[in-house]
Amino acid sequence: MSLRFCNRSLRYADAYAKGMNRREAAYATKKYRSHRSIPNDYLADFERSGAIEVFRSLRQL
């Protein structure tokens, strides 16, 4: 098993543990790909980038 796959899997597991849905987890794992886990202040970063509004609009579809 490659290290890249392991790190990506850990990031997804961490994102789901923090209560993210599938789209949010995919966005976070892509954005924080140089880290082993998603930072605790990810919500503030999502709000600054405008991603929260996009995710909320997609949930309403």
PDB file of N, CA and C in Angstrom:
ATOM      1  N   MET A   1       0.855  -1.169   0.000  1.00  0.00           N
ATOM      2  CA  MET A   1       0.000   0.000   0.000  1.00  0.00           C
ATOM      3  C   MET A   1       0.901   1.232   0.000  1.00  0.00           C
ATOM      4  N   SER A   2       0.551   2.184  -0.814  1.00  0.00           N
ATOM      5  CA  SER A   2       1.415   3.350  -0.930  1.00  0.00           C
ATOM      6  C   SER A   2       1.158   4.353   0.204  1.00  0.00           C
ATOM      7  N   LEU A   3       2.170   5.106   0.492  1.00  0.00           N
ATOM      8  CA  LEU A   3       2.075   6.128   1.536  1.00  0.00           C
ATOM      9  C   LEU A   3       1.077   7.212   1.142  1.00  0.00           C
ATOM     10  N   ARG A   4       1.015   7.507  -0.141  1.00  0.00           N
ATOM     11  CA  ARG A   4       0.079   8.531  -0.628  1.00  0.00           C
ATOM     12  C   ARG A   4      -1.367   8.126  -0.340  1.00  0.00           C
ATOM     13  N   PHE A   5      -1.695   6.865  -0.615  1.00  0.00           N
ATOM     14  CA  PHE A   5      -3.040   6.366  -0.343  1.00  0.00           C
ATOM     15  C   PHE A   5      -3.343   6.391   1.150  1.00  0.00           C
ATOM     16  N   CYS A   6      -2.380   6.017   1.955  1.00  0.00           N
ATOM     17  CA  CYS A   6      -2.575   6.017   3.415  1.00  0.00           C
ATOM     18  C   CYS A   6      -2.841   7.415   3.937  1.00  0.00           C
ATOM     19  N   ASN A   7      -2.049   8.376   3.489  1.00  0.00           N
ATOM     20  CA  ASN A   7      -2.256   9.755   3.951  1.00  0.00           C
ATOM     21  C   ASN A   7      -3.605  10.300   3.507  1.00  0.00           C
ATOM     22  N   ARG A   8      -3.998   9.998   2.278  1.00  0.00           N
ATOM     23  CA  ARG A   8      -5.292  10.472   1.793  1.00  0.00           C
ATOM     24  C   ARG A   8      -6.423   9.830   2.593  1.00  0.00           C
ATOM     25  N   SER A   9      -6.294   8.562   2.887  1.00  0.00           N
ATOM     26  CA  SER A   9      -7.313   7.872   3.679  1.00  0.00           C
ATOM     27  C   SER A   9      -7.416   8.463   5.081  1.00  0.00           C
ATOM     28  N   LEU A  10      -6.278   8.790   5.682  1.00  0.00           N
ATOM     29  CA  LEU A  10      -6.289   9.416   7.004  1.00  0.00           C
ATOM     30  C   LEU A  10      -6.962  10.785   6.975  1.00  0.00           C
ATOM     31  N   ARG A  11      -6.723  11.551   5.914  1.00  0.00           N
ATOM     32  CA  ARG A  11      -7.369  12.859   5.807  1.00  0.00           C
ATOM     33  C   ARG A  11      -8.878  12.716   5.668  1.00  0.00           C
ATOM     34  N   TYR A  12      -9.338  11.746   4.855  1.00  0.00           N
ATOM     35  CA  TYR A  12     -10.783  11.516   4.740  1.00  0.00           C
ATOM     36  C   TYR A  12     -11.379  11.077   6.074  1.00  0.00           C
ATOM     37  N   ALA A  13     -10.724  10.174   6.766  1.00  0.00           N
ATOM     38  CA  ALA A  13     -11.223   9.711   8.061  1.00  0.00           C
ATOM     39  C   ALA A  13     -11.293  10.864   9.059  1.00  0.00           C
ATOM     40  N   ASP A  14     -10.295  11.729   9.050  1.00  0.00           N
ATOM     41  CA  ASP A  14     -10.283  12.881   9.943  1.00  0.00           C
ATOM     42  C   ASP A  14     -11.407  13.849   9.581  1.00  0.00           C
ATOM     43  N   ALA A  15     -11.623  14.059   8.301  1.00  0.00           N
ATOM     44  CA  ALA A  15     -12.690  14.964   7.862  1.00  0.00           C
ATOM     45  C   ALA A  15     -14.062  14.435   8.278  1.00  0.00           C
ATOM     46  N   TYR A  16     -14.296  13.134   8.090  1.00  0.00           N
ATOM     47  CA  TYR A  16     -15.577  12.558   8.494  1.00  0.00           C
ATOM     48  C   TYR A  16     -15.750  12.603  10.009  1.00  0.00           C
ATOM     49  N   ALA A  17     -14.680  12.431  10.752  1.00  0.00           N
ATOM     50  CA  ALA A  17     -14.751  12.504  12.208  1.00  0.00           C
ATOM     51  C   ALA A  17     -15.099  13.910  12.677  1.00  0.00           C
ATOM     52  N   LYS A  18     -14.747  14.907  11.886  1.00  0.00           N
ATOM     53  CA  LYS A  18     -15.069  16.297  12.239  1.00  0.00           C
ATOM     54  C   LYS A  18     -16.448  16.707  11.754  1.00  0.00           C
ATOM     55  N   GLY A  19     -17.198  15.772  11.175  1.00  0.00           N
ATOM     56  CA  GLY A  19     -18.589  16.036  10.817  1.00  0.00           C
ATOM     57  C   GLY A  19     -18.805  16.560   9.412  1.00  0.00           C
ATOM     58  N   MET A  20     -17.838  16.441   8.550  1.00  0.00           N
ATOM     59  CA  MET A  20     -18.002  16.924   7.177  1.00  0.00           C
ATOM     60  C   MET A  20     -18.781  15.905   6.358  1.00  0.00           C
ATOM     61  N   ASN A  21     -19.486  16.413   5.343  1.00  0.00           N
ATOM     62  CA  ASN A  21     -20.140  15.498   4.418  1.00  0.00           C
ATOM     63  C   ASN A  21     -19.157  15.142   3.296  1.00  0.00           C
ATOM     64  N   ARG A  22     -19.646  14.428   2.293  1.00  0.00           N
ATOM     65  CA  ARG A  22     -18.763  13.918   1.239  1.00  0.00           C
ATOM     66  C   ARG A  22     -18.087  15.040   0.458  1.00  0.00           C
ATOM     67  N   ARG A  23     -18.832  16.048   0.061  1.00  0.00           N
ATOM     68  CA  ARG A  23     -18.259  17.153  -0.721  1.00  0.00           C
ATOM     69  C   ARG A  23     -17.271  17.976   0.091  1.00  0.00           C
ATOM     70  N   GLU A  24     -17.635  18.266   1.323  1.00  0.00           N
ATOM     71  CA  GLU A  24     -16.731  19.026   2.185  1.00  0.00           C
ATOM     72  C   GLU A  24     -15.445  18.259   2.455  1.00  0.00           C
ATOM     73  N   ALA A  25     -15.562  16.961   2.663  1.00  0.00           N
ATOM     74  CA  ALA A  25     -14.373  16.132   2.914  1.00  0.00           C
ATOM     75  C   ALA A  25     -13.471  16.102   1.683  1.00  0.00           C
ATOM     76  N   ALA A  26     -14.067  15.992   0.501  1.00  0.00           N
ATOM     77  CA  ALA A  26     -13.264  15.976  -0.726  1.00  0.00           C
ATOM     78  C   ALA A  26     -12.542  17.305  -0.918  1.00  0.00           C
ATOM     79  N   TYR A  27     -13.245  18.408  -0.654  1.00  0.00           N
ATOM     80  CA  TYR A  27     -12.631  19.731  -0.779  1.00  0.00           C
ATOM     81  C   TYR A  27     -11.488  19.891   0.223  1.00  0.00           C
ATOM     82  N   ALA A  28     -11.725  19.469   1.455  1.00  0.00           N
ATOM     83  CA  ALA A  28     -10.710  19.634   2.502  1.00  0.00           C
ATOM     84  C   ALA A  28      -9.489  18.765   2.241  1.00  0.00           C
ATOM     85  N   THR A  29      -9.690  17.534   1.783  1.00  0.00           N
ATOM     86  CA  THR A  29      -8.539  16.671   1.527  1.00  0.00           C
ATOM     87  C   THR A  29      -7.717  17.181   0.362  1.00  0.00           C
ATOM     88  N   LYS A  30      -8.382  17.804  -0.594  1.00  0.00           N
ATOM     89  CA  LYS A  30      -7.642  18.378  -1.725  1.00  0.00           C
ATOM     90  C   LYS A  30      -6.887  19.634  -1.292  1.00  0.00           C
ATOM     91  N   LYS A  31      -7.550  20.462  -0.499  1.00  0.00           N
ATOM     92  CA  LYS A  31      -6.950  21.723  -0.068  1.00  0.00           C
ATOM     93  C   LYS A  31      -5.777  21.506   0.893  1.00  0.00           C
ATOM     94  N   TYR A  32      -5.916  20.564   1.807  1.00  0.00           N
ATOM     95  CA  TYR A  32      -4.888  20.319   2.815  1.00  0.00           C
ATOM     96  C   TYR A  32      -4.076  19.073   2.491  1.00  0.00           C
ATOM     97  N   ARG A  33      -3.709  18.884   1.265  1.00  0.00           N
ATOM     98  CA  ARG A  33      -3.037  17.650   0.861  1.00  0.00           C
ATOM     99  C   ARG A  33      -1.620  17.523   1.393  1.00  0.00           C
ATOM    100  N   SER A  34      -1.023  18.612   1.859  1.00  0.00           N
ATOM    101  CA  SER A  34       0.323  18.510   2.419  1.00  0.00           C
ATOM    102  C   SER A  34       0.306  18.198   3.916  1.00  0.00           C
ATOM    103  N   HIS A  35      -0.878  18.025   4.477  1.00  0.00           N
ATOM    104  CA  HIS A  35      -1.023  17.743   5.898  1.00  0.00           C
ATOM    105  C   HIS A  35      -1.566  16.335   6.091  1.00  0.00           C
ATOM    106  N   ARG A  36      -1.322  15.764   7.251  1.00  0.00           N
ATOM    107  CA  ARG A  36      -1.843  14.429   7.534  1.00  0.00           C
ATOM    108  C   ARG A  36      -3.263  14.468   8.059  1.00  0.00           C
ATOM    109  N   SER A  37      -3.669  15.610   8.562  1.00  0.00           N
ATOM    110  CA  SER A  37      -5.039  15.740   9.046  1.00  0.00           C
ATOM    111  C   SER A  37      -5.557  17.128   8.690  1.00  0.00           C
ATOM    112  N   ILE A  38      -6.852  17.299   8.841  1.00  0.00           N
ATOM    113  CA  ILE A  38      -7.494  18.578   8.556  1.00  0.00           C
ATOM    114  C   ILE A  38      -7.334  19.453   9.801  1.00  0.00           C
ATOM    115  N   PRO A  39      -6.883  20.715   9.646  1.00  0.00           N
ATOM    116  CA  PRO A  39      -6.712  21.587  10.814  1.00  0.00           C
ATOM    117  C   PRO A  39      -8.032  21.827  11.547  1.00  0.00           C
ATOM    118  N   ASN A  40      -7.937  22.110  12.823  1.00  0.00           N
ATOM    119  CA  ASN A  40      -9.136  22.343  13.626  1.00  0.00           C
ATOM    120  C   ASN A  40      -9.870  23.620  13.225  1.00  0.00           C
ATOM    121  N   ASP A  41      -9.183  24.570  12.642  1.00  0.00           N
ATOM    122  CA  ASP A  41      -9.826  25.825  12.245  1.00  0.00           C
ATOM    123  C   ASP A  41     -10.243  25.808  10.772  1.00  0.00           C
ATOM    124  N   TYR A  42     -10.590  24.629  10.261  1.00  0.00           N
ATOM    125  CA  TYR A  42     -10.953  24.508   8.856  1.00  0.00           C
ATOM    126  C   TYR A  42     -12.213  25.303   8.525  1.00  0.00           C
ATOM    127  N   LEU A  43     -13.150  25.437   9.467  1.00  0.00           N
ATOM    128  CA  LEU A  43     -14.377  26.183   9.185  1.00  0.00           C
ATOM    129  C   LEU A  43     -14.096  27.651   8.897  1.00  0.00           C
ATOM    130  N   ALA A  44     -13.185  28.247   9.636  1.00  0.00           N
ATOM    131  CA  ALA A  44     -12.833  29.645   9.385  1.00  0.00           C
ATOM    132  C   ALA A  44     -12.221  29.803   7.996  1.00  0.00           C
ATOM    133  N   ASP A  45     -11.400  28.848   7.612  1.00  0.00           N
ATOM    134  CA  ASP A  45     -10.788  28.881   6.289  1.00  0.00           C
ATOM    135  C   ASP A  45     -11.833  28.679   5.195  1.00  0.00           C
ATOM    136  N   PHE A  46     -12.796  27.788   5.416  1.00  0.00           N
ATOM    137  CA  PHE A  46     -13.871  27.572   4.453  1.00  0.00           C
ATOM    138  C   PHE A  46     -14.698  28.839   4.284  1.00  0.00           C
ATOM    139  N   GLU A  47     -14.972  29.532   5.388  1.00  0.00           N
ATOM    140  CA  GLU A  47     -15.769  30.758   5.319  1.00  0.00           C
ATOM    141  C   GLU A  47     -15.029  31.867   4.572  1.00  0.00           C
ATOM    142  N   ARG A  48     -13.729  31.982   4.810  1.00  0.00           N
ATOM    143  CA  ARG A  48     -12.944  33.004   4.104  1.00  0.00           C
ATOM    144  C   ARG A  48     -12.906  32.751   2.605  1.00  0.00           C
ATOM    145  N   SER A  49     -12.827  31.496   2.210  1.00  0.00           N
ATOM    146  CA  SER A  49     -12.715  31.180   0.785  1.00  0.00           C
ATOM    147  C   SER A  49     -14.064  31.169   0.077  1.00  0.00           C
ATOM    148  N   GLY A  50     -15.158  31.217   0.829  1.00  0.00           N
ATOM    149  CA  GLY A  50     -16.485  31.206   0.220  1.00  0.00           C
ATOM    150  C   GLY A  50     -17.008  29.809  -0.052  1.00  0.00           C
ATOM    151  N   ALA A  51     -16.310  28.797   0.375  1.00  0.00           N
ATOM    152  CA  ALA A  51     -16.717  27.411   0.099  1.00  0.00           C
ATOM    153  C   ALA A  51     -17.967  27.024   0.875  1.00  0.00           C
ATOM    154  N   ILE A  52     -18.169  27.596   2.044  1.00  0.00           N
ATOM    155  CA  ILE A  52     -19.337  27.250   2.862  1.00  0.00           C
ATOM    156  C   ILE A  52     -20.628  27.574   2.114  1.00  0.00           C
ATOM    157  N   GLU A  53     -20.696  28.740   1.480  1.00  0.00           N
ATOM    158  CA  GLU A  53     -21.900  29.123   0.745  1.00  0.00           C
ATOM    159  C   GLU A  53     -22.156  28.176  -0.420  1.00  0.00           C
ATOM    160  N   VAL A  54     -21.092  27.760  -1.078  1.00  0.00           N
ATOM    161  CA  VAL A  54     -21.239  26.827  -2.197  1.00  0.00           C
ATOM    162  C   VAL A  54     -21.776  25.499  -1.701  1.00  0.00           C
ATOM    163  N   PHE A  55     -21.234  24.992  -0.589  1.00  0.00           N
ATOM    164  CA  PHE A  55     -21.695  23.721  -0.044  1.00  0.00           C
ATOM    165  C   PHE A  55     -23.155  23.819   0.392  1.00  0.00           C
ATOM    166  N   ARG A  56     -23.536  24.915   1.001  1.00  0.00           N
ATOM    167  CA  ARG A  56     -24.921  25.070   1.446  1.00  0.00           C
ATOM    168  C   ARG A  56     -25.875  25.144   0.264  1.00  0.00           C
ATOM    169  N   SER A  57     -25.468  25.816  -0.797  1.00  0.00           N
ATOM    170  CA  SER A  57     -26.340  25.895  -1.974  1.00  0.00           C
ATOM    171  C   SER A  57     -26.468  24.531  -2.646  1.00  0.00           C
ATOM    172  N   LEU A  58     -25.420  23.719  -2.606  1.00  0.00           N
ATOM    173  CA  LEU A  58     -25.489  22.393  -3.205  1.00  0.00           C
ATOM    174  C   LEU A  58     -26.363  21.450  -2.386  1.00  0.00           C
ATOM    175  N   ARG A  59     -26.425  21.653  -1.088  1.00  0.00           N
ATOM    176  CA  ARG A  59     -27.273  20.809  -0.236  1.00  0.00           C
ATOM    177  C   ARG A  59     -28.748  21.048  -0.524  1.00  0.00           C
ATOM    178  N   GLN A  60     -29.086  22.249  -0.963  1.00  0.00           N
ATOM    179  CA  GLN A  60     -30.483  22.587  -1.207  1.00  0.00           C
ATOM    180  C   GLN A  60     -30.992  22.000  -2.516  1.00  0.00           C
ATOM    181  N   LEU A  61     -30.110  21.537  -3.367  1.00  0.00           N
ATOM    182  CA  LEU A  61     -30.541  20.983  -4.662  1.00  0.00           C
ATOM    183  C   LEU A  61     -31.241  19.674  -4.526  1.00  0.00           C
TER     184      LEU A  61
END
